[in-house]
Amino acid sequence: MRIHSFPKSGHAHRVRLFANLAGIAHEVIEVDLPAGEHKKPPFLALNPAGQVPVIEDGDTVIADSNAILVYLARKYAPSYLPTDPAAEAQVQKFLSLAAGDLAFGPAAARMITVFNAPLDPDACKATAAKLLGLLETLMEGRQFLVGERPTIADVAIYSYTAHAPEGGISLEPYPNVRRLLKNIEALDGFVPMPSTKVGLAA
């Protein structure tokens, strides 16, 4: 399997992280985003949206990090995606949060400091506070987000939450969230996302 990635992308990191946690053999293809490689015909043939990550698994090509997580879990690591309807619905809830408040909160705040994105920092921080407060409540008395073992919900939430300080968002008020991050980091096969010395991480 080939993972088309970019080191500073949390979306790409969650796919690389899951492939490592699940022991899925893979090759990482770094896409030169600053040079616009993702907007050129060879890459657009894989993903017309011009975004990383994209995987090639034989003849199967899938874009969108959360869709990739679902595919990889179903095919290679089913323990990471429960089949019980209620538990699966809980996983889907966190995938939606990853695509919603996580993307528009911590991830967007980090885009401002790392990539000089023209976004509203106050709006990003307000969304981040809402998300982190929710996660803090949901993690009360728990080790992982769904059930008693890690799922793709934890993987989807991890990267941008762990790097929230790069966007100027402190995790200090959220001990349950920090515990979740440490639990994920303690898993066999964990690989970190490269840090950027900006924001509170400077």
Protein backbone atom coordinates (compact mmCIF):
# COMPACT_ATOMS: atom_id res chain seq x y z
CA MET A 1 0.00 0.00 0.00
CA ARG A 2 1.21 3.51 -0.82
CA ILE A 3 0.32 6.52 1.32
CA HIS A 4 0.66 9.90 -0.41
CA SER A 5 1.46 12.18 2.50
CA PHE A 6 2.89 15.49 3.72
CA PRO A 7 4.81 15.61 7.01
CA LYS A 8 3.00 18.63 8.50
CA SER A 9 -0.50 17.43 7.62
CA GLY A 10 -2.46 16.04 10.54
CA HIS A 11 -4.88 14.44 8.10
CA ALA A 12 -2.01 12.57 6.49
CA HIS A 13 -0.49 11.73 9.86
CA ARG A 14 -3.63 10.00 11.09
CA VAL A 15 -3.41 7.60 8.13
CA ARG A 16 0.29 6.93 8.70
CA LEU A 17 -0.36 6.50 12.40
CA PHE A 18 -3.12 3.98 11.85
CA ALA A 19 -1.11 2.00 9.30
CA ASN A 20 1.66 1.71 11.89
CA LEU A 21 -0.63 0.86 14.80
CA ALA A 22 -2.40 -1.80 12.73
CA GLY A 23 0.83 -3.25 11.33
CA ILE A 24 -0.18 -2.61 7.72
CA ALA A 25 2.81 -2.77 5.38
CA HIS A 26 3.04 0.49 3.49
CA GLU A 27 5.25 2.91 1.61
CA VAL A 28 5.05 6.65 2.26
CA ILE A 29 5.19 8.92 -0.78
CA GLU A 30 5.91 12.49 0.30
CA VAL A 31 4.01 15.04 -1.80
CA ASP A 32 5.75 18.40 -2.22
CA LEU A 33 2.87 20.70 -1.31
CA PRO A 34 4.96 23.92 -1.20
CA ALA A 35 5.95 23.24 -4.84
CA GLY A 36 2.32 22.63 -5.80
CA GLU A 37 2.80 18.95 -6.64
CA HIS A 38 -0.71 18.22 -5.31
CA LYS A 39 -2.21 20.48 -8.01
CA LYS A 40 -0.44 18.85 -10.95
CA PRO A 41 -2.01 16.25 -13.28
CA PRO A 42 -0.27 13.12 -11.91
CA PHE A 43 -1.56 13.75 -8.39
CA LEU A 44 -4.94 15.08 -9.53
CA ALA A 45 -5.44 11.79 -11.35
CA LEU A 46 -5.39 10.15 -7.90
CA ASN A 47 -7.41 12.82 -6.10
CA PRO A 48 -9.16 15.51 -8.17
CA ALA A 49 -9.57 17.54 -4.96
CA GLY A 50 -5.79 17.99 -4.89
CA GLN A 51 -5.38 17.09 -1.22
CA VAL A 52 -3.38 14.63 0.85
CA PRO A 53 -3.68 11.96 2.06
CA VAL A 54 -4.43 9.48 -0.69
CA ILE A 55 -3.78 5.76 -0.55
CA GLU A 56 -3.22 3.27 -3.34
CA ASP A 57 -3.99 -0.27 -2.24
CA GLY A 58 -3.58 -2.35 -5.33
CA ASP A 59 -6.14 -1.00 -7.78
CA THR A 60 -8.07 0.76 -5.03
CA VAL A 61 -7.48 4.50 -4.65
CA ILE A 62 -9.06 6.33 -1.72
CA ALA A 63 -8.82 9.96 -0.63
CA ASP A 64 -10.09 11.64 2.55
CA SER A 65 -8.37 10.63 5.78
CA ASN A 66 -11.48 9.43 7.62
CA ALA A 67 -12.67 7.39 4.65
CA ILE A 68 -9.21 5.84 4.48
CA LEU A 69 -9.35 4.94 8.19
CA VAL A 70 -12.67 3.16 7.70
CA TYR A 71 -11.37 1.28 4.66
CA LEU A 72 -8.15 0.19 6.33
CA ALA A 73 -9.91 -0.88 9.51
CA ARG A 74 -12.52 -2.92 7.66
CA LYS A 75 -9.92 -4.60 5.44
CA TYR A 76 -6.90 -5.02 7.70
CA ALA A 77 -7.68 -4.26 11.35
CA PRO A 78 -11.36 -4.88 12.15
CA SER A 79 -10.81 -4.57 15.90
CA TYR A 80 -10.39 -0.81 15.35
CA LEU A 81 -13.94 -0.43 14.00
CA PRO A 82 -16.60 -2.20 16.09
CA THR A 83 -19.50 -3.86 14.32
CA ASP A 84 -21.93 -3.40 17.20
CA PRO A 85 -24.34 -0.75 15.86
CA ALA A 86 -24.23 1.47 18.96
CA ALA A 87 -20.42 1.35 19.23
CA GLU A 88 -19.98 1.92 15.50
CA ALA A 89 -22.28 4.94 15.74
CA GLN A 90 -20.08 6.32 18.53
CA VAL A 91 -17.00 5.92 16.31
CA GLN A 92 -18.81 7.74 13.50
CA LYS A 93 -19.64 10.58 15.90
CA PHE A 94 -15.93 11.16 16.52
CA LEU A 95 -15.12 10.94 12.82
CA SER A 96 -17.67 13.72 12.33
CA LEU A 97 -16.06 15.75 15.11
CA ALA A 98 -12.68 15.24 13.45
CA ALA A 99 -14.07 16.59 10.17
CA GLY A 100 -15.98 19.37 11.95
CA ASP A 101 -14.94 21.09 15.17
CA LEU A 102 -11.44 19.57 15.19
CA ALA A 103 -10.79 20.77 11.64
CA PHE A 104 -12.27 24.23 12.24
CA GLY A 105 -10.81 24.58 15.74
CA PRO A 106 -7.35 23.22 16.64
CA ALA A 107 -6.40 22.32 13.06
CA ALA A 108 -7.43 25.72 11.69
CA ALA A 109 -5.67 27.58 14.52
CA ARG A 110 -2.51 25.64 13.66
CA MET A 111 -2.92 26.51 9.98
CA ILE A 112 -2.68 30.17 10.95
CA THR A 113 0.61 29.80 12.81
CA VAL A 114 2.27 27.12 10.64
CA PHE A 115 1.02 28.07 7.16
CA ASN A 116 -0.08 31.73 7.62
CA ALA A 117 -3.64 30.80 6.64
CA PRO A 118 -5.98 33.83 6.43
CA LEU A 119 -8.40 32.59 9.10
CA ASP A 120 -9.98 34.19 12.18
CA PRO A 121 -7.88 33.10 15.19
CA ASP A 122 -10.56 34.02 17.73
CA ALA A 123 -13.17 31.90 15.95
CA CYS A 124 -10.72 29.00 15.70
CA LYS A 125 -9.89 29.21 19.41
CA ALA A 126 -13.56 29.40 20.37
CA THR A 127 -14.30 26.26 18.33
CA ALA A 128 -11.27 24.55 19.85
CA ALA A 129 -12.43 25.36 23.38
CA LYS A 130 -15.86 23.92 22.62
CA LEU A 131 -14.35 20.72 21.21
CA LEU A 132 -11.78 20.21 23.96
CA GLY A 133 -14.39 20.82 26.64
CA LEU A 134 -16.59 18.16 25.05
CA LEU A 135 -13.74 15.67 24.78
CA GLU A 136 -12.77 16.37 28.39
CA THR A 137 -16.29 15.47 29.51
CA LEU A 138 -16.58 12.40 27.29
CA MET A 139 -13.22 11.04 28.47
CA GLU A 140 -14.18 11.14 32.15
CA GLY A 141 -13.38 7.70 33.61
CA ARG A 142 -12.35 6.33 30.23
CA GLN A 143 -9.09 5.22 28.63
CA PHE A 144 -10.21 5.59 25.02
CA LEU A 145 -13.06 7.34 23.25
CA VAL A 146 -15.19 4.27 22.43
CA GLY A 147 -15.22 1.04 24.40
CA GLU A 148 -12.26 -0.37 26.28
CA ARG A 149 -9.70 -0.41 23.49
CA PRO A 150 -8.48 1.98 20.80
CA THR A 151 -10.51 2.52 17.65
CA ILE A 152 -10.15 4.70 14.59
CA ALA A 153 -12.02 7.34 16.61
CA ASP A 154 -8.90 7.83 18.75
CA VAL A 155 -6.69 7.92 15.66
CA ALA A 156 -8.89 10.51 13.93
CA ILE A 157 -8.88 12.79 16.97
CA TYR A 158 -5.22 12.42 17.93
CA SER A 159 -3.00 14.36 15.51
CA TYR A 160 -4.54 17.82 15.53
CA THR A 161 -5.44 17.59 19.22
CA ALA A 162 -1.87 16.68 20.18
CA HIS A 163 -0.55 19.58 18.10
CA ALA A 164 -3.12 22.12 19.28
CA PRO A 165 -0.45 24.07 21.20
CA GLU A 166 1.20 24.89 17.86
CA GLY A 167 -1.95 26.89 17.12
CA GLY A 168 -1.75 28.71 20.44
CA ILE A 169 -4.27 26.44 22.16
CA SER A 170 -3.27 25.12 25.58
CA LEU A 171 -4.14 21.57 26.62
CA GLU A 172 -3.35 22.26 30.28
CA PRO A 173 -7.02 22.78 31.28
CA TYR A 174 -7.92 19.34 29.89
CA PRO A 175 -6.31 16.51 31.91
CA ASN A 176 -8.62 13.85 30.49
CA VAL A 177 -7.72 14.89 26.95
CA ARG A 178 -4.01 14.80 27.79
CA ARG A 179 -4.49 11.32 29.28
CA LEU A 180 -6.11 10.15 26.05
CA LEU A 181 -3.15 11.45 24.05
CA LYS A 182 -0.70 9.64 26.33
CA ASN A 183 -2.69 6.41 26.04
CA ILE A 184 -2.49 6.62 22.25
CA GLU A 185 1.22 7.45 22.36
CA ALA A 186 1.80 4.35 24.51
CA LEU A 187 0.37 1.99 21.87
CA ASP A 188 2.70 -0.36 20.03
CA GLY A 189 3.51 1.08 16.63
CA PHE A 190 2.84 4.70 17.56
CA VAL A 191 4.66 7.21 15.34
CA PRO A 192 4.68 10.93 16.16
CA MET A 193 3.83 13.73 13.82
CA PRO A 194 6.73 16.17 13.33
CA SER A 195 6.32 19.19 15.57
CA THR A 196 6.62 22.81 14.47
CA LYS A 197 8.07 25.36 16.88
CA VAL A 198 5.24 27.89 16.71
CA GLY A 199 2.45 29.06 18.98
CA LEU A 200 2.72 27.64 22.51
CA ALA A 201 5.18 25.05 21.17
CA ALA A 202 7.71 27.73 20.18
